[in-house]
Amino acid sequence: MAGHSSAAVAHAGNNPFLRAVAAVSTLAGWCSALMIVIAVAITCQMIFVRFVLNGSTIWQTEAVIYLVIAATLVGLPYVQRLRGHVNVDLFPLWLSPRPRWVLACITLSTSIVIVAIMLFYGFEYWHFAWARGWTSDTVWGVRLWIPYLSIPVGFGLLLLQLVADLAAVILGVDKPFGLEDA
């Protein structure tokens, strides 16, 4: 977070809920970064085993795929907290402060509903894999509930961050879209 200006980060103020969600989102970002580093290390190990030792790899490719997908999902709340998602703020810039506030509330509420639906179906999918004992069709045969757990965790944390963003706008702790009033 050292490279980001305070305007680029969602504000939490002194609100304990907003600060707790910010801490959880930051922790998720660190976990996501760690998963990427582990995936890179496994890739390097796989290349060494294949091309230097002329051996075969069994689990490495599958582990790297699952780690990168999990890193993407678990990193969602951190990116939301840093306002790192692609956005177009031309329309909010044209609006005066009150309509901008209304638009922010509508877009955050819509995002919350969509992510909640994704969370529901992601949890259902994870639960099917866990309850039915699904495993991958590879030699490694990983129990699929383990990598699939990143779906409800990632969307659950993103939902929490979106709720915190909406609360910050409603409570006046943060400006809509992070834009100062003109």
C-alpha atoms as a PDB file:
ATOM      1  CA  MET A   1       0.000   0.000   0.000  1.00  0.00           C
ATOM      2  CA  ALA A   2       3.027   2.251   0.229  1.00  0.00           C
ATOM      3  CA  GLY A   3       2.843   3.183  -3.441  1.00  0.00           C
ATOM      4  CA  HIS A   4      -0.749   4.368  -3.358  1.00  0.00           C
ATOM      5  CA  SER A   5      -1.915   7.862  -2.509  1.00  0.00           C
ATOM      6  CA  SER A   6      -4.556   8.235   0.162  1.00  0.00           C
ATOM      7  CA  ALA A   7      -7.045   9.307  -2.533  1.00  0.00           C
ATOM      8  CA  ALA A   8      -6.687   5.942  -4.266  1.00  0.00           C
ATOM      9  CA  VAL A   9      -7.611   3.917  -1.180  1.00  0.00           C
ATOM     10  CA  ALA A  10     -11.116   3.584   0.228  1.00  0.00           C
ATOM     11  CA  HIS A  11     -11.253   5.579   3.452  1.00  0.00           C
ATOM     12  CA  ALA A  12     -12.145   3.929   6.751  1.00  0.00           C
ATOM     13  CA  GLY A  13     -11.904   6.887   9.110  1.00  0.00           C
ATOM     14  CA  ASN A  14     -12.268   5.949  12.765  1.00  0.00           C
ATOM     15  CA  ASN A  15     -15.182   3.578  12.125  1.00  0.00           C
ATOM     16  CA  PRO A  16     -14.275   0.192  13.688  1.00  0.00           C
ATOM     17  CA  PHE A  17     -16.263  -1.817  11.102  1.00  0.00           C
ATOM     18  CA  LEU A  18     -14.622  -0.031   8.177  1.00  0.00           C
ATOM     19  CA  ARG A  19     -11.170  -0.403   9.741  1.00  0.00           C
ATOM     20  CA  ALA A  20     -11.721  -4.125  10.408  1.00  0.00           C
ATOM     21  CA  VAL A  21     -12.868  -4.730   6.825  1.00  0.00           C
ATOM     22  CA  ALA A  22      -9.879  -2.751   5.529  1.00  0.00           C
ATOM     23  CA  ALA A  23      -7.561  -4.939   7.617  1.00  0.00           C
ATOM     24  CA  VAL A  24      -9.193  -8.147   6.363  1.00  0.00           C
ATOM     25  CA  SER A  25      -9.003  -6.934   2.750  1.00  0.00           C
ATOM     26  CA  THR A  26      -5.333  -6.056   3.188  1.00  0.00           C
ATOM     27  CA  LEU A  27      -4.641  -9.478   4.699  1.00  0.00           C
ATOM     28  CA  ALA A  28      -6.414 -11.063   1.723  1.00  0.00           C
ATOM     29  CA  GLY A  29      -4.159  -9.052  -0.588  1.00  0.00           C
ATOM     30  CA  TRP A  30      -1.053 -10.325   1.185  1.00  0.00           C
ATOM     31  CA  CYS A  31      -2.354 -13.913   1.005  1.00  0.00           C
ATOM     32  CA  SER A  32      -3.028 -13.439  -2.687  1.00  0.00           C
ATOM     33  CA  ALA A  33       0.501 -12.138  -3.269  1.00  0.00           C
ATOM     34  CA  LEU A  34       1.926 -15.090  -1.328  1.00  0.00           C
ATOM     35  CA  MET A  35      -0.037 -17.516  -3.520  1.00  0.00           C
ATOM     36  CA  ILE A  36       1.446 -15.882  -6.634  1.00  0.00           C
ATOM     37  CA  VAL A  37       4.973 -16.185  -5.203  1.00  0.00           C
ATOM     38  CA  ILE A  38       4.379 -19.857  -4.350  1.00  0.00           C
ATOM     39  CA  ALA A  39       3.005 -20.479  -7.861  1.00  0.00           C
ATOM     40  CA  VAL A  40       6.132 -18.910  -9.387  1.00  0.00           C
ATOM     41  CA  ALA A  41       8.389 -21.015  -7.130  1.00  0.00           C
ATOM     42  CA  ILE A  42       6.522 -24.194  -8.097  1.00  0.00           C
ATOM     43  CA  THR A  43       6.819 -23.238 -11.770  1.00  0.00           C
ATOM     44  CA  CYS A  44      10.587 -22.793 -11.384  1.00  0.00           C
ATOM     45  CA  GLN A  45      10.840 -26.141  -9.604  1.00  0.00           C
ATOM     46  CA  MET A  46       8.795 -27.774 -12.367  1.00  0.00           C
ATOM     47  CA  ILE A  47      11.058 -26.348 -15.068  1.00  0.00           C
ATOM     48  CA  PHE A  48      14.135 -27.593 -13.176  1.00  0.00           C
ATOM     49  CA  VAL A  49      12.697 -31.100 -12.769  1.00  0.00           C
ATOM     50  CA  ARG A  50      11.579 -31.346 -16.407  1.00  0.00           C
ATOM     51  CA  PHE A  51      14.510 -29.836 -18.264  1.00  0.00           C
ATOM     52  CA  VAL A  52      17.515 -30.270 -15.957  1.00  0.00           C
ATOM     53  CA  LEU A  53      16.733 -33.563 -14.239  1.00  0.00           C
ATOM     54  CA  ASN A  54      14.722 -34.871 -17.211  1.00  0.00           C
ATOM     55  CA  GLY A  55      12.036 -36.065 -14.803  1.00  0.00           C
ATOM     56  CA  SER A  56       8.292 -35.995 -14.931  1.00  0.00           C
ATOM     57  CA  THR A  57       6.040 -33.668 -13.008  1.00  0.00           C
ATOM     58  CA  ILE A  58       2.807 -34.864 -11.494  1.00  0.00           C
ATOM     59  CA  TRP A  59       1.260 -32.175  -9.355  1.00  0.00           C
ATOM     60  CA  GLN A  60       2.981 -28.930 -10.305  1.00  0.00           C
ATOM     61  CA  THR A  61       0.868 -27.737 -13.250  1.00  0.00           C
ATOM     62  CA  GLU A  62      -2.393 -28.387 -11.434  1.00  0.00           C
ATOM     63  CA  ALA A  63      -1.134 -26.714  -8.252  1.00  0.00           C
ATOM     64  CA  VAL A  64      -0.029 -23.606 -10.155  1.00  0.00           C
ATOM     65  CA  ILE A  65      -3.410 -23.325 -11.901  1.00  0.00           C
ATOM     66  CA  TYR A  66      -5.308 -23.620  -8.621  1.00  0.00           C
ATOM     67  CA  LEU A  67      -2.995 -21.156  -6.856  1.00  0.00           C
ATOM     68  CA  VAL A  68      -3.322 -18.497  -9.563  1.00  0.00           C
ATOM     69  CA  ILE A  69      -7.115 -18.827  -9.641  1.00  0.00           C
ATOM     70  CA  ALA A  70      -7.273 -18.681  -5.826  1.00  0.00           C
ATOM     71  CA  ALA A  71      -4.943 -15.665  -5.786  1.00  0.00           C
ATOM     72  CA  THR A  72      -7.226 -13.892  -8.235  1.00  0.00           C
ATOM     73  CA  LEU A  73     -10.361 -14.579  -6.196  1.00  0.00           C
ATOM     74  CA  VAL A  74      -8.867 -13.946  -2.761  1.00  0.00           C
ATOM     75  CA  GLY A  75      -7.235 -10.742  -4.045  1.00  0.00           C
ATOM     76  CA  LEU A  76     -10.568  -9.225  -5.161  1.00  0.00           C
ATOM     77  CA  PRO A  77     -11.328  -7.344  -1.906  1.00  0.00           C
ATOM     78  CA  TYR A  78      -7.847  -5.836  -1.783  1.00  0.00           C
ATOM     79  CA  VAL A  79      -8.140  -4.554  -5.336  1.00  0.00           C
ATOM     80  CA  GLN A  80     -11.591  -3.146  -4.494  1.00  0.00           C
ATOM     81  CA  ARG A  81     -10.163  -1.440  -1.409  1.00  0.00           C
ATOM     82  CA  LEU A  82      -7.432   0.159  -3.519  1.00  0.00           C
ATOM     83  CA  ARG A  83      -9.984   1.062  -6.198  1.00  0.00           C
ATOM     84  CA  GLY A  84      -7.829  -0.846  -8.641  1.00  0.00           C
ATOM     85  CA  HIS A  85     -10.630  -2.210 -10.800  1.00  0.00           C
ATOM     86  CA  VAL A  86     -11.101  -0.635 -14.187  1.00  0.00           C
ATOM     87  CA  ASN A  87     -13.637   2.150 -13.994  1.00  0.00           C
ATOM     88  CA  VAL A  88     -14.844   5.011 -16.095  1.00  0.00           C
ATOM     89  CA  ASP A  89     -15.526   8.090 -14.003  1.00  0.00           C
ATOM     90  CA  LEU A  90     -16.413  10.478 -16.806  1.00  0.00           C
ATOM     91  CA  PHE A  91     -20.117  10.294 -15.958  1.00  0.00           C
ATOM     92  CA  PRO A  92     -19.611  10.762 -12.184  1.00  0.00           C
ATOM     93  CA  LEU A  93     -17.325  13.722 -12.932  1.00  0.00           C
ATOM     94  CA  TRP A  94     -20.155  15.413 -14.873  1.00  0.00           C
ATOM     95  CA  LEU A  95     -22.585  15.036 -11.986  1.00  0.00           C
ATOM     96  CA  SER A  96     -23.008  17.419  -9.087  1.00  0.00           C
ATOM     97  CA  PRO A  97     -22.334  16.008  -5.581  1.00  0.00           C
ATOM     98  CA  ARG A  98     -25.862  14.805  -4.702  1.00  0.00           C
ATOM     99  CA  PRO A  99     -26.561  12.881  -7.968  1.00  0.00           C
ATOM    100  CA  ARG A 100     -22.997  11.484  -7.757  1.00  0.00           C
ATOM    101  CA  TRP A 101     -23.803  10.206  -4.245  1.00  0.00           C
ATOM    102  CA  VAL A 102     -27.031   8.596  -5.500  1.00  0.00           C
ATOM    103  CA  LEU A 103     -25.211   6.985  -8.439  1.00  0.00           C
ATOM    104  CA  ALA A 104     -22.518   5.626  -6.109  1.00  0.00           C
ATOM    105  CA  CYS A 105     -25.160   4.113  -3.831  1.00  0.00           C
ATOM    106  CA  ILE A 106     -26.957   2.533  -6.794  1.00  0.00           C
ATOM    107  CA  THR A 107     -23.798   1.081  -8.336  1.00  0.00           C
ATOM    108  CA  LEU A 108     -22.478  -0.241  -5.019  1.00  0.00           C
ATOM    109  CA  SER A 109     -25.884  -1.743  -4.163  1.00  0.00           C
ATOM    110  CA  THR A 110     -26.089  -3.393  -7.580  1.00  0.00           C
ATOM    111  CA  SER A 111     -22.563  -4.738  -7.165  1.00  0.00           C
ATOM    112  CA  ILE A 112     -23.490  -6.109  -3.739  1.00  0.00           C
ATOM    113  CA  VAL A 113     -26.487  -7.964  -5.169  1.00  0.00           C
ATOM    114  CA  ILE A 114     -24.466  -9.443  -8.052  1.00  0.00           C
ATOM    115  CA  VAL A 115     -21.584 -10.517  -5.806  1.00  0.00           C
ATOM    116  CA  ALA A 116     -24.046 -11.987  -3.271  1.00  0.00           C
ATOM    117  CA  ILE A 117     -25.528 -14.133  -6.049  1.00  0.00           C
ATOM    118  CA  MET A 118     -22.023 -15.207  -7.099  1.00  0.00           C
ATOM    119  CA  LEU A 119     -21.248 -16.023  -3.450  1.00  0.00           C
ATOM    120  CA  PHE A 120     -24.396 -18.134  -3.122  1.00  0.00           C
ATOM    121  CA  TYR A 121     -23.685 -20.213  -6.216  1.00  0.00           C
ATOM    122  CA  GLY A 122     -19.964 -20.373  -5.443  1.00  0.00           C
ATOM    123  CA  PHE A 123     -20.724 -21.722  -1.975  1.00  0.00           C
ATOM    124  CA  GLU A 124     -23.181 -24.214  -3.443  1.00  0.00           C
ATOM    125  CA  TYR A 125     -20.569 -25.423  -5.939  1.00  0.00           C
ATOM    126  CA  TRP A 126     -17.919 -25.740  -3.221  1.00  0.00           C
ATOM    127  CA  HIS A 127     -20.365 -27.630  -0.991  1.00  0.00           C
ATOM    128  CA  PHE A 128     -21.205 -30.096  -3.792  1.00  0.00           C
ATOM    129  CA  ALA A 129     -17.498 -30.820  -4.262  1.00  0.00           C
ATOM    130  CA  TRP A 130     -17.020 -31.280  -0.519  1.00  0.00           C
ATOM    131  CA  ALA A 131     -20.151 -33.360   0.167  1.00  0.00           C
ATOM    132  CA  ARG A 132     -19.676 -35.639  -2.851  1.00  0.00           C
ATOM    133  CA  GLY A 133     -15.952 -36.106  -2.407  1.00  0.00           C
ATOM    134  CA  TRP A 134     -15.045 -34.834  -5.872  1.00  0.00           C
ATOM    135  CA  THR A 135     -11.427 -35.241  -6.920  1.00  0.00           C
ATOM    136  CA  SER A 136      -9.585 -34.107 -10.021  1.00  0.00           C
ATOM    137  CA  ASP A 137      -9.169 -36.561 -12.879  1.00  0.00           C
ATOM    138  CA  THR A 138      -5.398 -36.308 -12.743  1.00  0.00           C
ATOM    139  CA  VAL A 139      -2.734 -38.540 -11.244  1.00  0.00           C
ATOM    140  CA  TRP A 140      -2.524 -36.169  -8.285  1.00  0.00           C
ATOM    141  CA  GLY A 141      -6.268 -36.565  -7.619  1.00  0.00           C
ATOM    142  CA  VAL A 142      -6.617 -33.462  -5.476  1.00  0.00           C
ATOM    143  CA  ARG A 143      -9.819 -33.181  -3.436  1.00  0.00           C
ATOM    144  CA  LEU A 144     -11.556 -30.395  -5.340  1.00  0.00           C
ATOM    145  CA  TRP A 145     -13.225 -28.800  -2.323  1.00  0.00           C
ATOM    146  CA  ILE A 146      -9.803 -27.437  -1.363  1.00  0.00           C
ATOM    147  CA  PRO A 147      -9.185 -25.253  -4.448  1.00  0.00           C
ATOM    148  CA  TYR A 148     -12.910 -24.562  -4.856  1.00  0.00           C
ATOM    149  CA  LEU A 149     -12.962 -23.022  -1.356  1.00  0.00           C
ATOM    150  CA  SER A 150     -11.391 -19.910  -2.889  1.00  0.00           C
ATOM    151  CA  ILE A 151     -14.681 -19.189  -4.694  1.00  0.00           C
ATOM    152  CA  PRO A 152     -16.881 -18.524  -1.629  1.00  0.00           C
ATOM    153  CA  VAL A 153     -13.975 -17.047   0.341  1.00  0.00           C
ATOM    154  CA  GLY A 154     -13.040 -14.612  -2.430  1.00  0.00           C
ATOM    155  CA  PHE A 155     -16.588 -13.529  -3.203  1.00  0.00           C
ATOM    156  CA  GLY A 156     -17.460 -13.384   0.509  1.00  0.00           C
ATOM    157  CA  LEU A 157     -14.560 -11.038   1.216  1.00  0.00           C
ATOM    158  CA  LEU A 158     -15.376  -8.947  -1.859  1.00  0.00           C
ATOM    159  CA  LEU A 159     -18.981  -8.689  -0.660  1.00  0.00           C
ATOM    160  CA  LEU A 160     -17.758  -7.541   2.752  1.00  0.00           C
ATOM    161  CA  GLN A 161     -15.544  -4.871   1.148  1.00  0.00           C
ATOM    162  CA  LEU A 162     -18.404  -3.649  -1.061  1.00  0.00           C
ATOM    163  CA  VAL A 163     -20.699  -3.374   1.972  1.00  0.00           C
ATOM    164  CA  ALA A 164     -17.978  -1.401   3.759  1.00  0.00           C
ATOM    165  CA  ASP A 165     -17.579   0.872   0.716  1.00  0.00           C
ATOM    166  CA  LEU A 166     -21.333   1.516   0.646  1.00  0.00           C
ATOM    167  CA  ALA A 167     -21.379   2.172   4.397  1.00  0.00           C
ATOM    168  CA  ALA A 168     -18.459   4.604   4.038  1.00  0.00           C
ATOM    169  CA  VAL A 169     -20.313   6.561   1.342  1.00  0.00           C
ATOM    170  CA  ILE A 170     -23.595   6.602   3.300  1.00  0.00           C
ATOM    171  CA  LEU A 171     -21.848   7.630   6.540  1.00  0.00           C
ATOM    172  CA  GLY A 172     -19.866  10.316   4.734  1.00  0.00           C
ATOM    173  CA  VAL A 173     -16.508   8.743   5.627  1.00  0.00           C
ATOM    174  CA  ASP A 174     -15.629   8.388   1.945  1.00  0.00           C
ATOM    175  CA  LYS A 175     -16.589  10.389  -1.124  1.00  0.00           C
ATOM    176  CA  PRO A 176     -18.606   8.737  -3.907  1.00  0.00           C
ATOM    177  CA  PHE A 177     -16.202   7.187  -6.452  1.00  0.00           C
ATOM    178  CA  GLY A 178     -13.378   8.703  -4.410  1.00  0.00           C
ATOM    179  CA  LEU A 179     -13.972  12.059  -6.144  1.00  0.00           C
ATOM    180  CA  GLU A 180     -13.817  15.298  -4.247  1.00  0.00           C
ATOM    181  CA  ASP A 181     -16.696  17.748  -4.673  1.00  0.00           C
ATOM    182  CA  ALA A 182     -16.001  20.265  -7.431  1.00  0.00           C
END
